[in-house]
PDB file of N, CA and C in Angstrom:
ATOM      1  N   VAL A   1       0.812  -1.141   0.008  1.00  0.00           N
ATOM      2  CA  VAL A   1       0.023   0.027   0.059  1.00  0.00           C
ATOM      3  C   VAL A   1       0.889   1.254  -0.069  1.00  0.00           C
ATOM      4  N   ILE A   2       0.737   2.031  -0.891  1.00  0.00           N
ATOM      5  CA  ILE A   2       1.506   3.291  -1.194  1.00  0.00           C
ATOM      6  C   ILE A   2       0.855   4.543  -0.597  1.00  0.00           C
ATOM      7  N   GLU A   3      -0.527   4.445  -0.354  1.00  0.00           N
ATOM      8  CA  GLU A   3      -1.281   5.582   0.030  1.00  0.00           C
ATOM      9  C   GLU A   3      -1.614   5.591   1.545  1.00  0.00           C
ATOM     10  N   SER A   4      -1.697   6.593   2.332  1.00  0.00           N
ATOM     11  CA  SER A   4      -2.229   6.735   3.433  1.00  0.00           C
ATOM     12  C   SER A   4      -3.625   6.295   3.660  1.00  0.00           C
ATOM     13  N   VAL A   5      -4.252   6.114   4.692  1.00  0.00           N
ATOM     14  CA  VAL A   5      -5.661   5.984   4.854  1.00  0.00           C
ATOM     15  C   VAL A   5      -6.371   7.138   4.566  1.00  0.00           C
ATOM     16  N   GLU A   6      -5.875   8.437   4.852  1.00  0.00           N
ATOM     17  CA  GLU A   6      -6.427   9.610   4.620  1.00  0.00           C
ATOM     18  C   GLU A   6      -6.481   9.884   3.064  1.00  0.00           C
ATOM     19  N   ASP A   7      -5.486   9.455   2.384  1.00  0.00           N
ATOM     20  CA  ASP A   7      -5.447   9.514   0.854  1.00  0.00           C
ATOM     21  C   ASP A   7      -6.682   8.500   0.398  1.00  0.00           C
ATOM     22  N   LEU A   8      -6.618   7.552   0.887  1.00  0.00           N
ATOM     23  CA  LEU A   8      -7.642   6.593   0.284  1.00  0.00           C
ATOM     24  C   LEU A   8      -8.979   6.814   0.594  1.00  0.00           C
ATOM     25  N   HIS A   9      -9.178   7.517   1.742  1.00  0.00           N
ATOM     26  CA  HIS A   9     -10.415   7.993   2.295  1.00  0.00           C
ATOM     27  C   HIS A   9     -11.202   8.996   1.451  1.00  0.00           C
ATOM     28  N   GLY A  10     -10.439   9.790   0.760  1.00  0.00           N
ATOM     29  CA  GLY A  10     -11.161  10.648  -0.242  1.00  0.00           C
ATOM     30  C   GLY A  10     -12.481  11.478   0.338  1.00  0.00           C
ATOM     31  N   ASP A  11     -13.608  11.420  -0.352  1.00  0.00           N
ATOM     32  CA  ASP A  11     -14.610  12.109   0.165  1.00  0.00           C
ATOM     33  C   ASP A  11     -15.370  11.519   1.431  1.00  0.00           C
ATOM     34  N   GLY A  12     -15.097  10.429   1.806  1.00  0.00           N
ATOM     35  CA  GLY A  12     -15.561   9.782   3.045  1.00  0.00           C
ATOM     36  C   GLY A  12     -17.015   9.317   2.934  1.00  0.00           C
ATOM     37  N   GLU A  13     -17.524   9.266   1.744  1.00  0.00           N
ATOM     38  CA  GLU A  13     -18.973   8.815   1.617  1.00  0.00           C
ATOM     39  C   GLU A  13     -19.084   7.458   0.871  1.00  0.00           C
ATOM     40  N   ASP A  14     -18.340   6.599   0.953  1.00  0.00           N
ATOM     41  CA  ASP A  14     -18.541   5.187   0.204  1.00  0.00           C
ATOM     42  C   ASP A  14     -19.096   4.156   1.012  1.00  0.00           C
ATOM     43  N   ALA A  15     -18.944   4.121   2.126  1.00  0.00           N
ATOM     44  CA  ALA A  15     -19.731   3.217   3.076  1.00  0.00           C
ATOM     45  C   ALA A  15     -21.144   3.637   3.256  1.00  0.00           C
ATOM     46  N   ILE A  16     -21.918   2.697   2.940  1.00  0.00           N
ATOM     47  CA  ILE A  16     -23.503   2.950   2.840  1.00  0.00           C
ATOM     48  C   ILE A  16     -23.962   2.976   4.502  1.00  0.00           C
ATOM     49  N   SER A  17     -24.639   4.037   4.724  1.00  0.00           N
ATOM     50  CA  SER A  17     -25.291   3.916   6.041  1.00  0.00           C
ATOM     51  C   SER A  17     -26.583   3.144   6.047  1.00  0.00           C
ATOM     52  N   LEU A  18     -26.571   2.165   7.115  1.00  0.00           N
ATOM     53  CA  LEU A  18     -28.001   1.228   7.166  1.00  0.00           C
ATOM     54  C   LEU A  18     -28.780   1.750   8.355  1.00  0.00           C
ATOM     55  N   ASP A  19     -29.992   1.396   8.519  1.00  0.00           N
ATOM     56  CA  ASP A  19     -30.715   1.630   9.672  1.00  0.00           C
ATOM     57  C   ASP A  19     -31.635   0.307   9.941  1.00  0.00           C
ATOM     58  N   GLY A  20     -32.472   0.401  10.938  1.00  0.00           N
ATOM     59  CA  GLY A  20     -33.184  -0.712  11.217  1.00  0.00           C
ATOM     60  C   GLY A  20     -34.002  -1.380  10.176  1.00  0.00           C
ATOM     61  N   ASP A  21     -34.495  -0.403   9.294  1.00  0.00           N
ATOM     62  CA  ASP A  21     -35.189  -0.915   8.027  1.00  0.00           C
ATOM     63  C   ASP A  21     -34.416  -1.470   6.995  1.00  0.00           C
ATOM     64  N   THR A  22     -33.218  -0.867   6.712  1.00  0.00           N
ATOM     65  CA  THR A  22     -32.402  -1.143   5.370  1.00  0.00           C
ATOM     66  C   THR A  22     -31.466  -2.260   5.629  1.00  0.00           C
ATOM     67  N   PHE A  23     -31.215  -2.425   6.978  1.00  0.00           N
ATOM     68  CA  PHE A  23     -30.269  -3.634   7.278  1.00  0.00           C
ATOM     69  C   PHE A  23     -30.825  -4.941   6.852  1.00  0.00           C
ATOM     70  N   PRO A  24     -31.980  -5.215   7.286  1.00  0.00           N
ATOM     71  CA  PRO A  24     -32.671  -6.676   6.729  1.00  0.00           C
ATOM     72  C   PRO A  24     -32.540  -6.745   5.273  1.00  0.00           C
ATOM     73  N   TYR A  25     -33.027  -5.716   4.607  1.00  0.00           N
ATOM     74  CA  TYR A  25     -32.959  -5.709   3.120  1.00  0.00           C
ATOM     75  C   TYR A  25     -31.568  -6.015   2.609  1.00  0.00           C
ATOM     76  N   ALA A  26     -30.653  -5.421   3.151  1.00  0.00           N
ATOM     77  CA  ALA A  26     -29.292  -5.664   2.716  1.00  0.00           C
ATOM     78  C   ALA A  26     -28.807  -6.864   2.831  1.00  0.00           C
ATOM     79  N   LYS A  27     -29.106  -7.387   3.935  1.00  0.00           N
ATOM     80  CA  LYS A  27     -28.577  -8.901   4.324  1.00  0.00           C
ATOM     81  C   LYS A  27     -29.471  -9.780   3.329  1.00  0.00           C
ATOM     82  N   GLU A  28     -30.647  -9.615   2.971  1.00  0.00           N
ATOM     83  CA  GLU A  28     -31.273 -10.457   1.923  1.00  0.00           C
ATOM     84  C   GLU A  28     -30.846 -10.217   0.561  1.00  0.00           C
ATOM     85  N   GLU A  29     -30.576  -8.938   0.124  1.00  0.00           N
ATOM     86  CA  GLU A  29     -30.072  -8.707  -1.268  1.00  0.00           C
ATOM     87  C   GLU A  29     -28.792  -8.891  -1.597  1.00  0.00           C
ATOM     88  N   TYR A  30     -27.793  -8.852  -0.704  1.00  0.00           N
ATOM     89  CA  TYR A  30     -26.459  -8.849  -1.151  1.00  0.00           C
ATOM     90  C   TYR A  30     -25.612 -10.144  -0.491  1.00  0.00           C
ATOM     91  N   PRO A  31     -25.039 -10.922  -1.410  1.00  0.00           N
ATOM     92  CA  PRO A  31     -24.442 -12.171  -0.928  1.00  0.00           C
ATOM     93  C   PRO A  31     -23.232 -11.768   0.071  1.00  0.00           C
ATOM     94  N   PHE A  32     -22.577 -10.717  -0.370  1.00  0.00           N
ATOM     95  CA  PHE A  32     -21.426 -10.358   0.484  1.00  0.00           C
ATOM     96  C   PHE A  32     -21.565  -9.018   1.143  1.00  0.00           C
ATOM     97  N   LEU A  33     -21.654  -8.829   2.408  1.00  0.00           N
ATOM     98  CA  LEU A  33     -22.008  -7.638   3.249  1.00  0.00           C
ATOM     99  C   LEU A  33     -21.050  -7.445   4.091  1.00  0.00           C
ATOM    100  N   PHE A  34     -20.320  -6.307   4.103  1.00  0.00           N
ATOM    101  CA  PHE A  34     -19.405  -5.871   5.317  1.00  0.00           C
ATOM    102  C   PHE A  34     -20.194  -4.821   6.025  1.00  0.00           C
ATOM    103  N   VAL A  35     -20.229  -5.108   7.410  1.00  0.00           N
ATOM    104  CA  VAL A  35     -21.022  -4.164   8.149  1.00  0.00           C
ATOM    105  C   VAL A  35     -20.144  -3.793   9.140  1.00  0.00           C
ATOM    106  N   LYS A  36     -19.909  -2.378   9.423  1.00  0.00           N
ATOM    107  CA  LYS A  36     -19.288  -1.875  10.586  1.00  0.00           C
ATOM    108  C   LYS A  36     -20.262  -1.402  11.559  1.00  0.00           C
ATOM    109  N   PHE A  37     -20.464  -1.993  12.731  1.00  0.00           N
ATOM    110  CA  PHE A  37     -21.427  -1.686  13.692  1.00  0.00           C
ATOM    111  C   PHE A  37     -20.643  -0.671  14.577  1.00  0.00           C
ATOM    112  N   TYR A  38     -21.180   0.318  14.991  1.00  0.00           N
ATOM    113  CA  TYR A  38     -20.443   1.535  15.652  1.00  0.00           C
ATOM    114  C   TYR A  38     -21.599   2.226  16.751  1.00  0.00           C
ATOM    115  N   THR A  39     -21.001   2.966  17.679  1.00  0.00           N
ATOM    116  CA  THR A  39     -21.940   3.838  18.304  1.00  0.00           C
ATOM    117  C   THR A  39     -21.114   5.149  18.223  1.00  0.00           C
ATOM    118  N   SER A  40     -21.848   6.208  18.364  1.00  0.00           N
ATOM    119  CA  SER A  40     -21.401   7.726  18.072  1.00  0.00           C
ATOM    120  C   SER A  40     -20.483   8.040  19.235  1.00  0.00           C
ATOM    121  N   ASN A  41     -20.534   7.422  20.392  1.00  0.00           N
ATOM    122  CA  ASN A  41     -19.766   7.750  21.660  1.00  0.00           C
ATOM    123  C   ASN A  41     -18.689   6.821  21.892  1.00  0.00           C
ATOM    124  N   CYS A  42     -18.110   6.004  20.633  1.00  0.00           N
ATOM    125  CA  CYS A  42     -17.002   5.078  20.878  1.00  0.00           C
ATOM    126  C   CYS A  42     -15.856   5.637  20.069  1.00  0.00           C
ATOM    127  N   PRO A  43     -14.760   6.024  20.973  1.00  0.00           N
ATOM    128  CA  PRO A  43     -13.521   6.574  20.359  1.00  0.00           C
ATOM    129  C   PRO A  43     -12.809   5.558  19.445  1.00  0.00           C
ATOM    130  N   ASN A  44     -12.942   4.259  19.690  1.00  0.00           N
ATOM    131  CA  ASN A  44     -12.272   3.222  18.804  1.00  0.00           C
ATOM    132  C   ASN A  44     -12.955   3.245  17.619  1.00  0.00           C
ATOM    133  N   CYS A  45     -14.288   3.274  17.631  1.00  0.00           N
ATOM    134  CA  CYS A  45     -14.995   3.362  16.266  1.00  0.00           C
ATOM    135  C   CYS A  45     -14.705   4.606  15.465  1.00  0.00           C
ATOM    136  N   ASP A  46     -14.612   5.898  16.256  1.00  0.00           N
ATOM    137  CA  ASP A  46     -14.051   7.113  15.549  1.00  0.00           C
ATOM    138  C   ASP A  46     -12.742   6.712  14.802  1.00  0.00           C
ATOM    139  N   ASP A  47     -11.893   6.287  15.641  1.00  0.00           N
ATOM    140  CA  ASP A  47     -10.547   5.939  14.978  1.00  0.00           C
ATOM    141  C   ASP A  47     -10.529   5.056  13.716  1.00  0.00           C
ATOM    142  N   PHE A  48     -11.376   4.001  13.555  1.00  0.00           N
ATOM    143  CA  PHE A  48     -11.547   3.118  12.774  1.00  0.00           C
ATOM    144  C   PHE A  48     -12.263   3.767  11.370  1.00  0.00           C
ATOM    145  N   ALA A  49     -12.991   4.621  11.824  1.00  0.00           N
ATOM    146  CA  ALA A  49     -13.980   5.163  10.562  1.00  0.00           C
ATOM    147  C   ALA A  49     -13.227   5.581   9.287  1.00  0.00           C
ATOM    148  N   PRO A  50     -12.104   6.336   9.318  1.00  0.00           N
ATOM    149  CA  PRO A  50     -11.441   6.433   8.075  1.00  0.00           C
ATOM    150  C   PRO A  50     -10.898   5.156   7.314  1.00  0.00           C
ATOM    151  N   THR A  51     -10.539   4.312   8.039  1.00  0.00           N
ATOM    152  CA  THR A  51     -10.131   2.933   7.417  1.00  0.00           C
ATOM    153  C   THR A  51     -11.442   2.327   6.826  1.00  0.00           C
ATOM    154  N   TRP A  52     -12.527   2.395   7.463  1.00  0.00           N
ATOM    155  CA  TRP A  52     -13.758   1.725   6.983  1.00  0.00           C
ATOM    156  C   TRP A  52     -13.991   2.493   5.564  1.00  0.00           C
ATOM    157  N   GLU A  53     -14.147   3.773   5.641  1.00  0.00           N
ATOM    158  CA  GLU A  53     -14.544   4.573   4.552  1.00  0.00           C
ATOM    159  C   GLU A  53     -13.472   4.309   3.359  1.00  0.00           C
ATOM    160  N   ALA A  54     -12.269   4.089   3.696  1.00  0.00           N
ATOM    161  CA  ALA A  54     -11.195   3.783   2.709  1.00  0.00           C
ATOM    162  C   ALA A  54     -11.598   2.391   1.919  1.00  0.00           C
ATOM    163  N   LEU A  55     -12.049   1.449   2.668  1.00  0.00           N
ATOM    164  CA  LEU A  55     -12.394   0.298   2.145  1.00  0.00           C
ATOM    165  C   LEU A  55     -13.616   0.420   1.256  1.00  0.00           C
ATOM    166  N   GLY A  56     -14.766   1.188   1.647  1.00  0.00           N
ATOM    167  CA  GLY A  56     -15.720   1.335   0.752  1.00  0.00           C
ATOM    168  C   GLY A  56     -15.247   2.240  -0.417  1.00  0.00           C
ATOM    169  N   GLU A  57     -14.363   3.009  -0.504  1.00  0.00           N
ATOM    170  CA  GLU A  57     -14.004   3.679  -1.580  1.00  0.00           C
ATOM    171  C   GLU A  57     -13.210   2.812  -2.533  1.00  0.00           C
ATOM    172  N   ILE A  58     -12.400   2.124  -2.024  1.00  0.00           N
ATOM    173  CA  ILE A  58     -11.660   0.961  -2.914  1.00  0.00           C
ATOM    174  C   ILE A  58     -12.576   0.170  -3.582  1.00  0.00           C
ATOM    175  N   VAL A  59     -13.580  -0.394  -3.056  1.00  0.00           N
ATOM    176  CA  VAL A  59     -14.647  -1.262  -3.407  1.00  0.00           C
ATOM    177  C   VAL A  59     -15.414  -0.402  -4.668  1.00  0.00           C
ATOM    178  N   THR A  60     -15.691   0.705  -4.396  1.00  0.00           N
ATOM    179  CA  THR A  60     -16.331   1.689  -5.347  1.00  0.00           C
ATOM    180  C   THR A  60     -15.554   2.027  -6.543  1.00  0.00           C
ATOM    181  N   ASP A  61     -14.254   2.319  -6.458  1.00  0.00           N
ATOM    182  CA  ASP A  61     -13.273   2.525  -7.323  1.00  0.00           C
ATOM    183  C   ASP A  61     -13.035   1.425  -8.396  1.00  0.00           C
ATOM    184  N   THR A  62     -12.985   0.080  -7.694  1.00  0.00           N
ATOM    185  CA  THR A  62     -12.784  -1.105  -8.376  1.00  0.00           C
ATOM    186  C   THR A  62     -14.016  -1.408  -9.228  1.00  0.00           C
ATOM    187  N   SER A  63     -15.136  -1.198  -8.651  1.00  0.00           N
ATOM    188  CA  SER A  63     -16.549  -1.321  -9.506  1.00  0.00           C
ATOM    189  C   SER A  63     -16.570  -0.531 -10.638  1.00  0.00           C
ATOM    190  N   MET A  64     -16.158   0.815 -10.403  1.00  0.00           N
ATOM    191  CA  MET A  64     -16.064   1.765 -11.436  1.00  0.00           C
ATOM    192  C   MET A  64     -15.208   1.270 -12.574  1.00  0.00           C
ATOM    193  N   HIS A  65     -13.824   0.874 -12.339  1.00  0.00           N
ATOM    194  CA  HIS A  65     -13.011   0.462 -13.311  1.00  0.00           C
ATOM    195  C   HIS A  65     -13.710  -0.791 -14.168  1.00  0.00           C
ATOM    196  N   MET A  66     -14.396  -1.812 -13.387  1.00  0.00           N
ATOM    197  CA  MET A  66     -14.811  -2.927 -13.956  1.00  0.00           C
ATOM    198  C   MET A  66     -16.021  -2.532 -14.847  1.00  0.00           C
ATOM    199  N   VAL A  67     -16.778  -1.362 -14.685  1.00  0.00           N
ATOM    200  CA  VAL A  67     -17.809  -0.948 -15.462  1.00  0.00           C
ATOM    201  C   VAL A  67     -17.101  -0.267 -16.707  1.00  0.00           C
ATOM    202  N   ASP A  68     -16.189   0.558 -16.520  1.00  0.00           N
ATOM    203  CA  ASP A  68     -15.627   1.126 -17.506  1.00  0.00           C
ATOM    204  C   ASP A  68     -14.803   0.296 -18.536  1.00  0.00           C
ATOM    205  N   ASP A  69     -14.232  -0.901 -17.911  1.00  0.00           N
ATOM    206  CA  ASP A  69     -13.681  -1.860 -18.862  1.00  0.00           C
ATOM    207  C   ASP A  69     -14.885  -2.556 -19.635  1.00  0.00           C
ATOM    208  N   PHE A  70     -15.828  -2.873 -19.123  1.00  0.00           N
ATOM    209  CA  PHE A  70     -16.942  -3.586 -19.757  1.00  0.00           C
ATOM    210  C   PHE A  70     -17.415  -2.735 -20.945  1.00  0.00           C
ATOM    211  N   MET A  71     -17.569  -1.392 -20.626  1.00  0.00           N
ATOM    212  CA  MET A  71     -18.077  -0.424 -21.620  1.00  0.00           C
ATOM    213  C   MET A  71     -17.121  -0.303 -22.832  1.00  0.00           C
ATOM    214  N   GLU A  72     -15.952  -0.226 -22.372  1.00  0.00           N
ATOM    215  CA  GLU A  72     -14.777  -0.209 -23.472  1.00  0.00           C
ATOM    216  C   GLU A  72     -14.769  -1.434 -24.216  1.00  0.00           C
ATOM    217  N   GLU A  73     -14.831  -2.548 -23.629  1.00  0.00           N
ATOM    218  CA  GLU A  73     -14.822  -3.798 -24.452  1.00  0.00           C
ATOM    219  C   GLU A  73     -15.950  -4.027 -25.319  1.00  0.00           C
ATOM    220  N   LYS A  74     -17.151  -3.543 -25.048  1.00  0.00           N
ATOM    221  CA  LYS A  74     -18.301  -3.606 -25.707  1.00  0.00           C
ATOM    222  C   LYS A  74     -18.426  -2.353 -26.743  1.00  0.00           C
ATOM    223  N   GLY A  75     -17.623  -1.510 -26.817  1.00  0.00           N
ATOM    224  CA  GLY A  75     -17.458  -0.306 -27.602  1.00  0.00           C
ATOM    225  C   GLY A  75     -18.631   0.785 -27.195  1.00  0.00           C
ATOM    226  N   MET A  76     -18.951   0.891 -26.143  1.00  0.00           N
ATOM    227  CA  MET A  76     -20.142   1.794 -25.480  1.00  0.00           C
ATOM    228  C   MET A  76     -19.437   3.002 -25.138  1.00  0.00           C
ATOM    229  N   ASP A  77     -20.055   4.110 -25.428  1.00  0.00           N
ATOM    230  CA  ASP A  77     -19.526   5.352 -24.949  1.00  0.00           C
ATOM    231  C   ASP A  77     -20.116   5.876 -23.699  1.00  0.00           C
ATOM    232  N   TYR A  78     -19.582   6.652 -23.274  1.00  0.00           N
ATOM    233  CA  TYR A  78     -20.115   7.168 -21.720  1.00  0.00           C
ATOM    234  C   TYR A  78     -21.208   8.117 -21.822  1.00  0.00           C
ATOM    235  N   TYR A  79     -21.606   8.683 -22.945  1.00  0.00           N
ATOM    236  CA  TYR A  79     -22.739   9.532 -23.141  1.00  0.00           C
ATOM    237  C   TYR A  79     -23.953   8.814 -23.379  1.00  0.00           C
ATOM    238  N   HIS A  80     -23.946   7.458 -23.562  1.00  0.00           N
ATOM    239  CA  HIS A  80     -25.026   6.896 -23.908  1.00  0.00           C
ATOM    240  C   HIS A  80     -25.990   6.535 -22.766  1.00  0.00           C
ATOM    241  N   TYR A  81     -25.359   6.615 -21.588  1.00  0.00           N
ATOM    242  CA  TYR A  81     -26.075   6.355 -20.236  1.00  0.00           C
ATOM    243  C   TYR A  81     -26.110   7.496 -19.463  1.00  0.00           C
ATOM    244  N   SER A  82     -27.209   7.546 -18.494  1.00  0.00           N
ATOM    245  CA  SER A  82     -27.115   8.743 -17.683  1.00  0.00           C
ATOM    246  C   SER A  82     -26.243   8.253 -16.414  1.00  0.00           C
ATOM    247  N   ASP A  83     -26.001   9.322 -15.635  1.00  0.00           N
ATOM    248  CA  ASP A  83     -25.221   9.299 -14.478  1.00  0.00           C
ATOM    249  C   ASP A  83     -25.971   8.176 -13.404  1.00  0.00           C
ATOM    250  N   GLU A  84     -27.326   8.201 -13.430  1.00  0.00           N
ATOM    251  CA  GLU A  84     -27.965   7.176 -12.565  1.00  0.00           C
ATOM    252  C   GLU A  84     -27.761   5.837 -13.035  1.00  0.00           C
ATOM    253  N   GLU A  85     -27.747   5.566 -14.355  1.00  0.00           N
ATOM    254  CA  GLU A  85     -27.670   4.252 -14.933  1.00  0.00           C
ATOM    255  C   GLU A  85     -26.125   3.874 -14.751  1.00  0.00           C
ATOM    256  N   TYR A  86     -25.291   4.666 -14.835  1.00  0.00           N
ATOM    257  CA  TYR A  86     -23.692   4.380 -14.510  1.00  0.00           C
ATOM    258  C   TYR A  86     -23.672   3.929 -13.099  1.00  0.00           C
ATOM    259  N   GLU A  87     -24.319   4.700 -12.102  1.00  0.00           N
ATOM    260  CA  GLU A  87     -24.210   4.427 -10.812  1.00  0.00           C
ATOM    261  C   GLU A  87     -24.833   2.998 -10.463  1.00  0.00           C
ATOM    262  N   GLN A  88     -25.838   2.700 -11.002  1.00  0.00           N
ATOM    263  CA  GLN A  88     -26.518   1.522 -10.962  1.00  0.00           C
ATOM    264  C   GLN A  88     -25.614   0.186 -11.332  1.00  0.00           C
ATOM    265  N   ALA A  89     -25.108   0.548 -12.540  1.00  0.00           N
ATOM    266  CA  ALA A  89     -24.095  -0.575 -13.012  1.00  0.00           C
ATOM    267  C   ALA A  89     -22.790  -0.722 -12.004  1.00  0.00           C
ATOM    268  N   VAL A  90     -22.425   0.322 -11.541  1.00  0.00           N
ATOM    269  CA  VAL A  90     -21.314   0.271 -10.508  1.00  0.00           C
ATOM    270  C   VAL A  90     -21.790  -0.556  -9.251  1.00  0.00           C
ATOM    271  N   ASN A  91     -23.026  -0.270  -8.851  1.00  0.00           N
ATOM    272  CA  ASN A  91     -23.463  -1.077  -7.720  1.00  0.00           C
ATOM    273  C   ASN A  91     -23.622  -2.355  -7.924  1.00  0.00           C
ATOM    274  N   VAL A  92     -24.018  -2.707  -9.218  1.00  0.00           N
ATOM    275  CA  VAL A  92     -24.309  -4.134  -9.545  1.00  0.00           C
ATOM    276  C   VAL A  92     -22.962  -4.925  -9.579  1.00  0.00           C
ATOM    277  N   MET A  93     -21.931  -4.221 -10.125  1.00  0.00           N
ATOM    278  CA  MET A  93     -20.536  -4.759 -10.333  1.00  0.00           C
ATOM    279  C   MET A  93     -19.693  -5.006  -8.982  1.00  0.00           C
ATOM    280  N   ALA A  94     -20.142  -4.165  -7.946  1.00  0.00           N
ATOM    281  CA  ALA A  94     -19.550  -4.252  -6.702  1.00  0.00           C
ATOM    282  C   ALA A  94     -19.431  -5.768  -6.201  1.00  0.00           C
ATOM    283  N   PRO A  95     -18.277  -6.245  -5.911  1.00  0.00           N
ATOM    284  CA  PRO A  95     -17.987  -7.430  -5.187  1.00  0.00           C
ATOM    285  C   PRO A  95     -18.594  -7.645  -3.860  1.00  0.00           C
ATOM    286  N   VAL A  96     -18.677  -6.579  -3.170  1.00  0.00           N
ATOM    287  CA  VAL A  96     -19.167  -6.603  -1.812  1.00  0.00           C
ATOM    288  C   VAL A  96     -19.820  -5.231  -1.421  1.00  0.00           C
ATOM    289  N   LEU A  97     -20.835  -5.215  -0.638  1.00  0.00           N
ATOM    290  CA  LEU A  97     -21.381  -3.947   0.012  1.00  0.00           C
ATOM    291  C   LEU A  97     -20.802  -3.622   1.200  1.00  0.00           C
ATOM    292  N   VAL A  98     -20.241  -2.465   1.258  1.00  0.00           N
ATOM    293  CA  VAL A  98     -19.524  -1.989   2.479  1.00  0.00           C
ATOM    294  C   VAL A  98     -20.464  -0.914   3.097  1.00  0.00           C
ATOM    295  N   THR A  99     -21.019  -1.273   4.270  1.00  0.00           N
ATOM    296  CA  THR A  99     -21.787  -0.545   5.008  1.00  0.00           C
ATOM    297  C   THR A  99     -21.507  -0.207   6.446  1.00  0.00           C
ATOM    298  N   ARG A 100     -22.330   0.605   7.121  1.00  0.00           N
ATOM    299  CA  ARG A 100     -22.139   1.078   8.568  1.00  0.00           C
ATOM    300  C   ARG A 100     -23.523   0.908   9.237  1.00  0.00           C
ATOM    301  N   LEU A 101     -23.625   0.677  10.464  1.00  0.00           N
ATOM    302  CA  LEU A 101     -24.774   0.795  11.199  1.00  0.00           C
ATOM    303  C   LEU A 101     -24.639   1.221  12.640  1.00  0.00           C
ATOM    304  N   ASP A 102     -25.289   2.211  12.924  1.00  0.00           N
ATOM    305  CA  ASP A 102     -25.136   2.832  14.183  1.00  0.00           C
ATOM    306  C   ASP A 102     -26.032   2.041  15.307  1.00  0.00           C
ATOM    307  N   CYS A 103     -25.201   1.030  15.937  1.00  0.00           N
ATOM    308  CA  CYS A 103     -26.192   0.244  16.786  1.00  0.00           C
ATOM    309  C   CYS A 103     -26.470   0.809  18.076  1.00  0.00           C
ATOM    310  N   GLY A 104     -26.026   2.189  18.370  1.00  0.00           N
ATOM    311  CA  GLY A 104     -26.561   2.926  19.524  1.00  0.00           C
ATOM    312  C   GLY A 104     -27.926   3.427  19.035  1.00  0.00           C
ATOM    313  N   ALA A 105     -28.000   3.776  17.918  1.00  0.00           N
ATOM    314  CA  ALA A 105     -29.414   4.395  17.325  1.00  0.00           C
ATOM    315  C   ALA A 105     -30.516   3.321  16.979  1.00  0.00           C
ATOM    316  N   TYR A 106     -29.833   2.068  16.615  1.00  0.00           N
ATOM    317  CA  TYR A 106     -30.679   0.917  16.235  1.00  0.00           C
ATOM    318  C   TYR A 106     -30.250  -0.217  16.908  1.00  0.00           C
ATOM    319  N   PRO A 107     -30.469  -0.321  18.326  1.00  0.00           N
ATOM    320  CA  PRO A 107     -29.902  -1.529  19.046  1.00  0.00           C
ATOM    321  C   PRO A 107     -30.395  -2.925  18.710  1.00  0.00           C
ATOM    322  N   ASP A 108     -31.625  -2.966  18.015  1.00  0.00           N
ATOM    323  CA  ASP A 108     -32.269  -4.233  17.681  1.00  0.00           C
ATOM    324  C   ASP A 108     -31.423  -4.919  16.537  1.00  0.00           C
TER     325      ASP A 108
END
């Protein structure tokens, strides 16, 4: 690894936040699900947050490369699809869903 966690972290919004309603759905829909259970008053959770977000960013970036490679292989241009369709394709190509759940807010 040649980049620091802070460099990999980027915008910090790649791990998807789950709640009491979306967690069961994610478990059902995704065969590979990484969940960071945390509480807002946990210093260790806060310390680990940038690393977890970096994992989410790496998965997202990898999925984007997979979609880009697929589109190039099929001779597709980037203007043929909307941003929303591209984002959906990235989500489909993701090998794992990286999420977080505030178990202090959703203890069940």
